[in-house]
Amino acid sequence: MLPSDSAWLALEQPDNPMTITVMLRVEGLTAARFREFLNVYWVAWERFLYRPVWRAPAWYWQADPTFNSARHLDVVQDRFDPAQLKDWVSTRLNDPLPVYRPLWKFWLAPNAEGGAALLLRIHHCYADGLALLDVFDQLCPSSPRQYPALYGAPEEAKLGQWTEVAQQWLGSMLAQVGATAVPGAGAGSGSPQKHVGKAVQSGARLVHKISEFLIEDEETPSDLKRPLLGRRRCSWSAPVELERFRKIAKSTHTTINDVLLACVAAAVRPKLGLAPEQLDNAVMHAAVPVDVRVQMPKGIKPEAGELGNCFGTVFVPLPVDGESALERLFRVKHETRKLKKSIQPGLAWGLTACAPLLPEVGRKPLADLFYRKASAVVSNVRGTAETRYLAGCEIKEQMFWVPQAGDIGLGVSVVSYDGQVQFGVVADDAVLACPDDFLDDCLAELEQFPGES
């Protein structure tokens, strides 16, 4: 396995498994239709026929000699109402996946109110959220009469080439940070002293950039940092028109992502359990995954439809002490602009890939290095702008929930699809007893922006 994939096996804990959960609401999807879809299209990705196994000193993909797709699908005939469906999905979130089979499974509730509910749980080592969306993008055409034209991928061994190119890429990225020109040390100066001075200043700049990532202000103790119980609940909001977010972003000269993070900051504020005077000095970060595929060179950059993990993490300070929606929004904008120019995503991707190369005693310190910096994971994924169809049936909604590594007990996911946006939340019982209240606060923040009242 590539280190960037096996990292999620090395970093997980028993009470916080690294499992992505996806839910689609699909109008009219029957068990027979989906079984055909599963057997023809889904298993065309060879990796889904494999399970991860540990053979010292590394993880490997091993074909399941007894693979049977029937073991990876449960059909539930209950007529779930909305509240029952949320309870059912939360229960599935806590079900362990059998380690003796490939680490993914579907559940289908064809009779749920509002359309069939299709649930997928899959271990992070198979792919990140963007790669999974790319799979569904290939398998779910824009017409009910259209078949997927291109799908599937073989599982090829390319660890040697990948490792060599990845090391070169990370090295060149760090060199670029340190090679910023020093004023007065132009080409042609011919002075050895100036060259030495330039090298020293470049090295200092590089150390400073890395230190900015490794050394963050400690999180303020709060209700979100309680010891985890290992029991999680999830929920999701009603769809909101994407145009609402666009109008706010345009009128405030921010981005849609800034607006989403500002909504999360407002919803987190009352969940910290801090007095007003404590909020003034409170420090809280959101761990935000950032796609690094566009930066990757050929050799490690995945092809279209190829599974894998290609994201880094930035730690965005959330303005939980902000007194108004606009203050929170502009402070989020300020922080995200700084992070866009940083090497944090690529550096985080590289450090994460080191996890499976470390002895077990060294993995927890590495995980702590990342996840002591944040109280929540916030992931924003852009789905297709138009309606898609699975096995000829219309997909009405799509939602996903992110895993939370280390001692993080709160995950917030935002997904756009077909002109709509939905918030999702998954939380350990120790840190958030009522996910629905959190979602209500996210949506209430929208009403506070200009033109929304």
Protein backbone atom coordinates (compact mmCIF):
# COMPACT_ATOMS: atom_id res chain seq x y z
CA MET A 1 0.00 0.00 0.00
CA LEU A 2 1.10 3.57 -0.58
CA PRO A 3 2.07 5.36 2.65
CA SER A 4 -0.57 8.05 2.06
CA ASP A 5 -3.25 5.32 2.15
CA SER A 6 -1.89 3.09 4.93
CA ALA A 7 -1.45 6.16 7.13
CA TRP A 8 -5.15 6.01 7.98
CA LEU A 9 -4.73 2.49 9.31
CA ALA A 10 -1.71 3.53 11.36
CA LEU A 11 -3.36 6.61 12.89
CA GLU A 12 -6.77 5.27 13.83
CA GLN A 13 -7.84 4.37 17.37
CA PRO A 14 -10.39 1.78 18.55
CA ASP A 15 -12.82 4.51 19.70
CA ASN A 16 -12.30 6.65 16.58
CA PRO A 17 -12.09 4.49 13.42
CA MET A 18 -11.01 6.18 10.18
CA THR A 19 -14.20 5.40 8.28
CA ILE A 20 -15.99 7.64 5.76
CA THR A 21 -19.79 7.40 5.62
CA VAL A 22 -21.78 8.40 2.53
CA MET A 23 -25.56 8.55 2.19
CA LEU A 24 -27.53 8.98 -1.02
CA ARG A 25 -31.30 9.46 -1.22
CA VAL A 26 -32.25 7.72 -4.46
CA GLU A 27 -35.82 7.84 -5.73
CA GLY A 28 -37.16 4.36 -6.56
CA LEU A 29 -33.93 2.40 -6.04
CA THR A 30 -34.76 -1.28 -5.45
CA ALA A 31 -32.61 -4.04 -4.04
CA ALA A 32 -32.49 -5.82 -7.41
CA ARG A 33 -31.36 -2.69 -9.25
CA PHE A 34 -28.66 -1.95 -6.73
CA ARG A 35 -27.33 -5.53 -6.61
CA GLU A 36 -26.80 -5.36 -10.38
CA PHE A 37 -25.08 -1.97 -9.99
CA LEU A 38 -22.83 -3.38 -7.25
CA ASN A 39 -21.84 -6.51 -9.17
CA VAL A 40 -21.19 -4.79 -12.51
CA TYR A 41 -19.99 -1.29 -11.78
CA TRP A 42 -18.76 -0.89 -8.19
CA VAL A 43 -16.46 -3.94 -8.11
CA ALA A 44 -14.86 -2.82 -11.39
CA TRP A 45 -12.47 -0.93 -9.10
CA GLU A 46 -10.12 -3.77 -8.23
CA ARG A 47 -9.15 -2.20 -4.91
CA PHE A 48 -12.68 -2.89 -3.60
CA LEU A 49 -11.91 -6.62 -3.91
CA TYR A 50 -8.92 -6.28 -1.56
CA ARG A 51 -8.50 -5.97 2.17
CA PRO A 52 -5.57 -4.34 3.97
CA VAL A 53 -3.25 -6.74 5.80
CA TRP A 54 -0.19 -6.08 7.95
CA ARG A 55 2.99 -7.94 7.01
CA ALA A 56 5.91 -6.41 8.88
CA PRO A 57 7.15 -3.87 8.19
CA ALA A 58 4.27 -2.55 6.04
CA TRP A 59 0.63 -2.76 5.01
CA TYR A 60 -0.35 -4.58 1.83
CA TRP A 61 -3.45 -4.99 -0.32
CA GLN A 62 -4.49 -8.63 -0.35
CA ALA A 63 -7.22 -10.05 -2.58
CA ASP A 64 -10.12 -11.57 -0.66
CA PRO A 65 -10.17 -15.18 -1.95
CA THR A 66 -13.77 -15.64 -0.80
CA PHE A 67 -15.09 -12.27 -1.98
CA ASN A 68 -18.85 -12.20 -2.38
CA SER A 69 -20.63 -8.90 -2.96
CA ALA A 70 -23.67 -10.23 -1.07
CA ARG A 71 -21.64 -9.97 2.16
CA HIS A 72 -21.21 -6.25 1.51
CA LEU A 73 -24.88 -5.32 1.21
CA ASP A 74 -27.68 -5.41 3.77
CA VAL A 75 -31.23 -4.57 2.66
CA VAL A 76 -33.55 -3.20 5.36
CA GLN A 77 -37.28 -3.08 4.58
CA ASP A 78 -38.29 -0.71 7.41
CA ARG A 79 -40.32 2.38 6.44
CA PHE A 80 -38.10 4.83 8.29
CA ASP A 81 -39.53 8.27 9.00
CA PRO A 82 -36.92 11.10 9.15
CA ALA A 83 -36.20 10.70 12.88
CA GLN A 84 -35.96 6.91 12.63
CA LEU A 85 -33.65 7.21 9.63
CA LYS A 86 -31.22 9.41 11.61
CA ASP A 87 -31.20 6.87 14.45
CA TRP A 88 -30.59 4.04 11.99
CA VAL A 89 -27.71 5.84 10.26
CA SER A 90 -26.15 6.71 13.64
CA THR A 91 -26.28 3.05 14.67
CA ARG A 92 -24.56 2.01 11.43
CA LEU A 93 -21.82 4.57 12.11
CA ASN A 94 -20.92 2.64 15.25
CA ASP A 95 -20.93 -0.82 13.65
CA PRO A 96 -17.39 -2.16 13.19
CA LEU A 97 -16.44 -3.41 9.73
CA PRO A 98 -15.16 -7.03 9.71
CA VAL A 99 -11.36 -6.94 9.34
CA TYR A 100 -11.32 -10.29 7.53
CA ARG A 101 -13.12 -8.78 4.52
CA PRO A 102 -12.59 -5.68 2.37
CA LEU A 103 -13.35 -2.72 4.65
CA TRP A 104 -16.50 -1.35 3.03
CA LYS A 105 -20.21 -2.09 3.15
CA PHE A 106 -23.52 -0.80 1.76
CA TRP A 107 -26.93 -0.70 3.42
CA LEU A 108 -30.10 -0.05 1.46
CA ALA A 109 -33.44 1.04 2.94
CA PRO A 110 -35.65 1.11 -0.18
CA ASN A 111 -38.86 1.97 1.70
CA ALA A 112 -37.62 4.97 3.71
CA GLU A 113 -39.85 8.04 3.60
CA GLY A 114 -38.63 10.55 1.02
CA GLY A 115 -36.93 7.99 -1.19
CA ALA A 116 -34.62 5.02 -0.78
CA ALA A 117 -31.65 5.60 1.53
CA LEU A 118 -28.36 4.11 0.36
CA LEU A 119 -25.59 4.13 2.95
CA LEU A 120 -21.91 3.34 2.40
CA ARG A 121 -19.23 2.98 5.04
CA ILE A 122 -15.68 2.64 3.76
CA HIS A 123 -12.29 2.85 5.43
CA HIS A 124 -10.25 5.94 4.64
CA CYS A 125 -7.35 3.79 3.40
CA TYR A 126 -9.29 3.05 0.19
CA ALA A 127 -9.83 6.66 -0.83
CA ASP A 128 -10.52 10.19 0.36
CA GLY A 129 -13.86 11.94 -0.11
CA LEU A 130 -12.94 13.56 -3.41
CA ALA A 131 -11.82 10.26 -4.92
CA LEU A 132 -15.07 8.61 -3.81
CA LEU A 133 -17.10 11.44 -5.33
CA ASP A 134 -15.15 10.92 -8.54
CA VAL A 135 -16.17 7.26 -8.48
CA PHE A 136 -19.84 8.17 -8.10
CA ASP A 137 -19.40 10.87 -10.76
CA GLN A 138 -18.30 8.19 -13.24
CA LEU A 139 -20.99 5.71 -12.18
CA CYS A 140 -23.93 8.12 -11.98
CA PRO A 141 -24.67 9.73 -15.36
CA SER A 142 -26.80 12.84 -15.94
CA SER A 143 -29.57 10.94 -17.71
CA PRO A 144 -31.65 7.97 -16.47
CA ARG A 145 -31.24 6.36 -19.92
CA GLN A 146 -27.47 6.69 -20.00
CA TYR A 147 -25.02 4.00 -18.92
CA PRO A 148 -21.60 4.76 -17.39
CA ALA A 149 -19.25 5.13 -20.35
CA LEU A 150 -15.97 4.63 -18.50
CA TYR A 151 -15.48 3.14 -15.07
CA GLY A 152 -13.21 0.95 -12.95
CA ALA A 153 -9.48 0.83 -12.35
CA PRO A 154 -6.91 -1.95 -11.85
CA GLU A 155 -4.87 -2.04 -8.65
CA GLU A 156 -1.25 -1.60 -9.69
CA ALA A 157 1.87 -1.80 -7.54
CA LYS A 158 3.81 1.48 -7.88
CA LEU A 159 5.31 2.07 -4.46
CA GLY A 160 8.89 2.51 -5.71
CA GLN A 161 8.14 5.18 -8.31
CA TRP A 162 5.60 6.87 -6.01
CA THR A 163 8.08 7.14 -3.12
CA GLU A 164 10.85 8.55 -5.30
CA VAL A 165 8.64 11.18 -6.96
CA ALA A 166 6.93 12.10 -3.67
CA GLN A 167 10.29 12.74 -2.00
CA GLN A 168 11.41 14.90 -4.93
CA TRP A 169 8.15 16.87 -4.92
CA LEU A 170 8.21 17.58 -1.18
CA GLY A 171 11.89 18.48 -1.38
CA SER A 172 11.32 20.93 -4.23
CA MET A 173 8.34 22.48 -2.43
CA LEU A 174 10.41 23.09 0.72
CA ALA A 175 13.32 24.39 -1.37
CA GLN A 176 11.04 26.95 -3.03
CA VAL A 177 10.00 28.25 0.38
CA GLY A 178 13.60 28.70 1.44
CA ALA A 179 14.78 30.13 -1.89
CA THR A 180 12.97 33.45 -1.64
CA ALA A 181 15.34 36.14 -2.88
CA VAL A 182 17.14 38.15 -0.22
CA PRO A 183 17.15 41.93 -0.89
CA GLY A 184 20.54 43.14 -2.09
CA ALA A 185 21.76 39.63 -2.97
CA GLY A 186 21.06 39.69 -6.69
CA ALA A 187 22.77 37.59 -9.32
CA GLY A 188 26.10 39.00 -10.28
CA SER A 189 26.99 40.28 -6.84
CA GLY A 190 29.82 37.76 -6.81
CA SER A 191 30.20 38.03 -3.12
CA PRO A 192 30.64 34.73 -1.22
CA GLN A 193 29.50 36.52 1.90
CA LYS A 194 26.24 37.51 0.23
CA HIS A 195 25.66 33.95 -0.98
CA VAL A 196 26.26 32.64 2.53
CA GLY A 197 23.93 35.27 3.94
CA LYS A 198 21.27 34.33 1.40
CA ALA A 199 21.57 30.65 2.28
CA VAL A 200 21.29 31.41 5.99
CA GLN A 201 18.22 33.60 5.48
CA SER A 202 16.64 31.01 3.17
CA GLY A 203 17.21 28.30 5.75
CA ALA A 204 15.77 30.48 8.48
CA ARG A 205 12.71 31.19 6.38
CA LEU A 206 12.23 27.47 5.74
CA VAL A 207 12.54 26.63 9.44
CA HIS A 208 10.08 29.41 10.24
CA LYS A 209 7.52 28.09 7.75
CA ILE A 210 7.74 24.56 9.12
CA SER A 211 7.58 25.83 12.69
CA GLU A 212 4.41 27.77 11.87
CA PHE A 213 2.80 24.47 11.00
CA LEU A 214 4.21 22.36 13.83
CA ILE A 215 3.76 24.91 16.61
CA GLU A 216 0.22 26.21 17.01
CA ASP A 217 -1.45 27.79 20.00
CA GLU A 218 -2.88 25.09 22.25
CA GLU A 219 -6.64 24.66 22.12
CA THR A 220 -8.55 26.23 24.99
CA PRO A 221 -9.98 23.50 27.26
CA SER A 222 -13.68 23.23 26.46
CA ASP A 223 -16.59 20.81 26.31
CA LEU A 224 -15.39 19.80 22.84
CA LYS A 225 -12.12 18.43 24.27
CA ARG A 226 -13.64 15.93 26.69
CA PRO A 227 -12.37 12.31 26.66
CA LEU A 228 -14.24 10.39 23.97
CA LEU A 229 -16.76 7.66 24.77
CA GLY A 230 -16.53 5.94 21.37
CA ARG A 231 -20.29 6.30 20.68
CA ARG A 232 -21.21 8.65 17.86
CA ARG A 233 -24.39 10.21 16.54
CA CYS A 234 -24.94 11.94 13.23
CA SER A 235 -27.48 14.23 11.65
CA TRP A 236 -27.94 16.35 8.54
CA SER A 237 -29.78 19.51 7.61
CA ALA A 238 -32.49 20.13 5.06
CA PRO A 239 -31.09 21.31 1.70
CA VAL A 240 -30.36 25.04 1.35
CA GLU A 241 -30.16 26.79 -2.01
CA LEU A 242 -26.52 27.25 -3.06
CA GLU A 243 -27.49 30.64 -4.48
CA ARG A 244 -27.98 31.97 -0.93
CA PHE A 245 -24.33 31.31 -0.17
CA ARG A 246 -23.25 32.80 -3.50
CA LYS A 247 -25.13 36.05 -2.82
CA ILE A 248 -23.58 36.41 0.65
CA ALA A 249 -20.09 35.69 -0.68
CA LYS A 250 -20.50 38.16 -3.54
CA SER A 251 -21.87 40.97 -1.39
CA THR A 252 -19.11 40.59 1.22
CA HIS A 253 -16.22 39.88 -1.21
CA THR A 254 -15.56 36.55 0.44
CA THR A 255 -15.85 32.95 -0.76
CA ILE A 256 -18.56 30.37 -0.24
CA ASN A 257 -16.09 28.39 1.86
CA ASP A 258 -15.55 31.44 4.10
CA VAL A 259 -19.32 31.68 4.64
CA LEU A 260 -19.54 27.99 5.51
CA LEU A 261 -16.71 28.23 8.06
CA ALA A 262 -18.29 31.33 9.60
CA CYS A 263 -21.52 29.36 10.07
CA VAL A 264 -19.56 26.59 11.80
CA ALA A 265 -17.83 29.13 14.07
CA ALA A 266 -21.21 30.51 15.15
CA ALA A 267 -22.60 27.03 15.84
CA VAL A 268 -19.52 25.96 17.81
CA ARG A 269 -19.53 29.01 20.08
CA PRO A 270 -22.40 27.93 22.43
CA LYS A 271 -21.13 24.32 22.49
CA LEU A 272 -17.78 25.19 24.08
CA GLY A 273 -19.24 25.65 27.56
CA LEU A 274 -17.21 28.83 28.12
CA ALA A 275 -18.31 31.99 29.90
CA PRO A 276 -18.34 35.25 27.86
CA GLU A 277 -15.15 36.48 29.50
CA GLN A 278 -13.44 33.16 28.68
CA LEU A 279 -14.42 33.42 25.01
CA ASP A 280 -12.36 36.62 24.63
CA ASN A 281 -9.13 34.63 24.82
CA ALA A 282 -10.42 31.28 23.55
CA VAL A 283 -8.38 29.47 20.89
CA MET A 284 -10.10 26.94 18.66
CA HIS A 285 -9.03 25.52 15.32
CA ALA A 286 -10.87 23.56 12.67
CA ALA A 287 -8.86 20.91 10.82
CA VAL A 288 -9.82 21.49 7.18
CA PRO A 289 -8.79 18.95 4.49
CA VAL A 290 -7.33 20.55 1.34
CA ASP A 291 -6.95 18.74 -1.98
CA VAL A 292 -3.31 18.69 -3.13
CA ARG A 293 -3.85 16.87 -6.45
CA VAL A 294 -3.43 20.03 -8.51
CA GLN A 295 0.06 20.54 -7.04
CA MET A 296 1.25 16.98 -7.50
CA PRO A 297 3.67 16.07 -10.31
CA LYS A 298 3.17 13.20 -12.71
CA GLY A 299 4.13 9.97 -11.03
CA ILE A 300 2.19 10.51 -7.82
CA LYS A 301 -0.75 12.52 -9.16
CA PRO A 302 -3.62 10.02 -9.52
CA GLU A 303 -5.38 9.54 -12.83
CA ALA A 304 -9.07 10.33 -13.20
CA GLY A 305 -11.07 7.70 -11.31
CA GLU A 306 -8.02 6.36 -9.45
CA LEU A 307 -8.54 5.68 -5.77
CA GLY A 308 -6.28 7.04 -3.07
CA ASN A 309 -5.68 9.80 -0.52
CA CYS A 310 -4.32 13.09 -1.81
CA PHE A 311 -5.10 15.80 0.71
CA GLY A 312 -3.33 17.79 3.36
CA THR A 313 -4.76 19.54 6.41
CA VAL A 314 -4.79 23.20 7.36
CA PHE A 315 -5.76 24.43 10.80
CA VAL A 316 -8.10 27.40 10.54
CA PRO A 317 -8.58 29.48 13.71
CA LEU A 318 -12.32 29.89 14.26
CA PRO A 319 -13.42 33.31 15.62
CA VAL A 320 -15.60 31.91 18.40
CA ASP A 321 -15.28 35.22 20.26
CA GLY A 322 -16.72 37.19 17.31
CA GLU A 323 -19.70 39.34 18.28
CA SER A 324 -21.45 39.44 14.90
CA ALA A 325 -21.87 37.36 11.76
CA LEU A 326 -19.88 39.84 9.66
CA GLU A 327 -17.02 39.97 12.15
CA ARG A 328 -16.78 36.18 12.16
CA LEU A 329 -16.92 36.08 8.35
CA PHE A 330 -14.18 38.68 7.78
CA ARG A 331 -11.92 37.11 10.37
CA VAL A 332 -12.34 33.71 8.69
CA LYS A 333 -11.51 35.36 5.34
CA HIS A 334 -8.32 36.83 6.83
CA GLU A 335 -7.16 33.45 8.12
CA THR A 336 -7.99 31.47 4.98
CA ARG A 337 -6.15 33.97 2.76
CA LYS A 338 -2.99 33.46 4.79
CA LEU A 339 -3.32 29.67 4.64
CA LYS A 340 -3.82 29.66 0.86
CA LYS A 341 -0.25 30.93 0.49
CA SER A 342 1.27 28.46 2.95
CA ILE A 343 2.90 25.07 2.49
CA GLN A 344 0.69 23.55 5.19
CA PRO A 345 -1.38 21.23 2.92
CA GLY A 346 1.62 19.64 1.16
CA LEU A 347 3.63 19.41 4.36
CA ALA A 348 0.71 17.83 6.22
CA TRP A 349 0.23 15.29 3.41
CA GLY A 350 3.92 14.37 3.63
CA LEU A 351 3.97 14.08 7.42
CA THR A 352 0.81 11.97 7.41
CA ALA A 353 2.37 9.60 4.86
CA CYS A 354 5.24 9.08 7.33
CA ALA A 355 2.93 7.52 9.93
CA PRO A 356 3.08 3.90 8.68
CA LEU A 357 6.87 4.14 8.43
CA LEU A 358 7.19 4.83 12.16
CA PRO A 359 7.28 2.20 14.92
CA GLU A 360 4.00 1.96 16.80
CA VAL A 361 5.34 3.93 19.76
CA GLY A 362 6.04 6.86 17.43
CA ARG A 363 2.61 7.06 15.81
CA LYS A 364 0.69 8.53 18.73
CA PRO A 365 3.07 11.49 19.07
CA LEU A 366 2.65 12.14 15.34
CA ALA A 367 -1.14 11.95 15.63
CA ASP A 368 -1.02 14.24 18.67
CA LEU A 369 1.14 16.66 16.70
CA PHE A 370 -1.75 17.07 14.25
CA TYR A 371 -4.90 16.59 16.21
CA ARG A 372 -4.16 18.34 19.48
CA LYS A 373 -4.35 21.48 17.33
CA ALA A 374 -8.06 21.18 16.54
CA SER A 375 -11.41 20.61 18.22
CA ALA A 376 -13.30 19.76 15.01
CA VAL A 377 -12.82 18.52 11.47
CA VAL A 378 -14.64 20.58 8.84
CA SER A 379 -14.78 19.20 5.30
CA ASN A 380 -16.39 20.89 2.31
CA VAL A 381 -16.89 18.81 -0.85
CA ARG A 382 -18.33 20.09 -4.10
CA GLY A 383 -20.58 17.60 -5.84
CA THR A 384 -21.98 17.82 -9.34
CA ALA A 385 -23.97 20.90 -10.34
CA GLU A 386 -26.63 18.83 -12.13
CA THR A 387 -28.92 15.94 -11.15
CA ARG A 388 -27.36 12.49 -11.42
CA TYR A 389 -28.87 9.01 -11.67
CA LEU A 390 -27.80 5.76 -10.04
CA ALA A 391 -28.97 2.58 -11.79
CA GLY A 392 -31.47 4.77 -13.67
CA CYS A 393 -32.91 6.27 -10.45
CA GLU A 394 -32.69 9.96 -9.56
CA ILE A 395 -30.34 10.95 -6.74
CA LYS A 396 -32.30 13.50 -4.68
CA GLU A 397 -29.68 14.22 -2.01
CA GLN A 398 -26.13 13.23 -1.14
CA MET A 399 -24.44 13.55 2.23
CA PHE A 400 -21.24 12.32 3.85
CA TRP A 401 -19.67 12.30 7.30
CA VAL A 402 -15.97 12.64 7.96
CA PRO A 403 -13.92 10.60 10.44
CA GLN A 404 -12.17 12.48 13.24
CA ALA A 405 -8.65 11.36 14.06
CA GLY A 406 -6.95 11.46 17.44
CA ASP A 407 -9.05 12.90 20.24
CA ILE A 408 -11.25 15.07 17.98
CA GLY A 409 -14.90 14.27 18.66
CA LEU A 410 -16.73 16.60 16.25
CA GLY A 411 -16.91 16.39 12.46
CA VAL A 412 -18.80 18.84 10.26
CA SER A 413 -19.32 18.10 6.58
CA VAL A 414 -20.72 20.37 3.90
CA VAL A 415 -21.69 19.06 0.48
CA SER A 416 -23.14 20.83 -2.52
CA TYR A 417 -25.16 18.96 -5.13
CA ASP A 418 -27.61 19.99 -7.84
CA GLY A 419 -27.73 23.63 -6.72
CA GLN A 420 -28.23 22.77 -3.04
CA VAL A 421 -26.06 22.70 0.08
CA GLN A 422 -26.44 20.48 3.13
CA PHE A 423 -24.65 20.48 6.47
CA GLY A 424 -23.88 17.21 8.20
CA VAL A 425 -22.51 16.61 11.66
CA VAL A 426 -21.16 13.56 13.45
CA ALA A 427 -20.10 13.77 17.09
CA ASP A 428 -19.03 11.60 19.97
CA ASP A 429 -21.65 11.53 22.72
CA ALA A 430 -19.13 13.04 25.12
CA VAL A 431 -18.80 16.32 23.19
CA LEU A 432 -22.18 16.92 21.53
CA ALA A 433 -25.37 15.36 22.81
CA CYS A 434 -27.74 16.91 20.23
CA PRO A 435 -26.35 17.27 16.69
CA ASP A 436 -29.65 18.77 15.45
CA ASP A 437 -29.19 21.85 17.66
CA PHE A 438 -25.75 22.38 16.14
CA LEU A 439 -27.19 22.24 12.61
CA ASP A 440 -29.95 24.68 13.54
CA ASP A 441 -27.28 27.14 14.71
CA CYS A 442 -25.35 26.73 11.43
CA LEU A 443 -28.45 27.64 9.42
CA ALA A 444 -29.46 30.44 11.81
CA GLU A 445 -26.14 32.17 11.11
CA LEU A 446 -27.15 32.53 7.47
CA GLU A 447 -30.06 34.74 8.49
CA GLN A 448 -27.65 37.22 10.09
CA PHE A 449 -25.90 38.22 6.88
CA PRO A 450 -26.89 41.25 4.78
CA GLY A 451 -29.89 40.55 2.55
CA GLU A 452 -30.81 37.38 4.43
CA SER A 453 -33.03 38.78 7.18
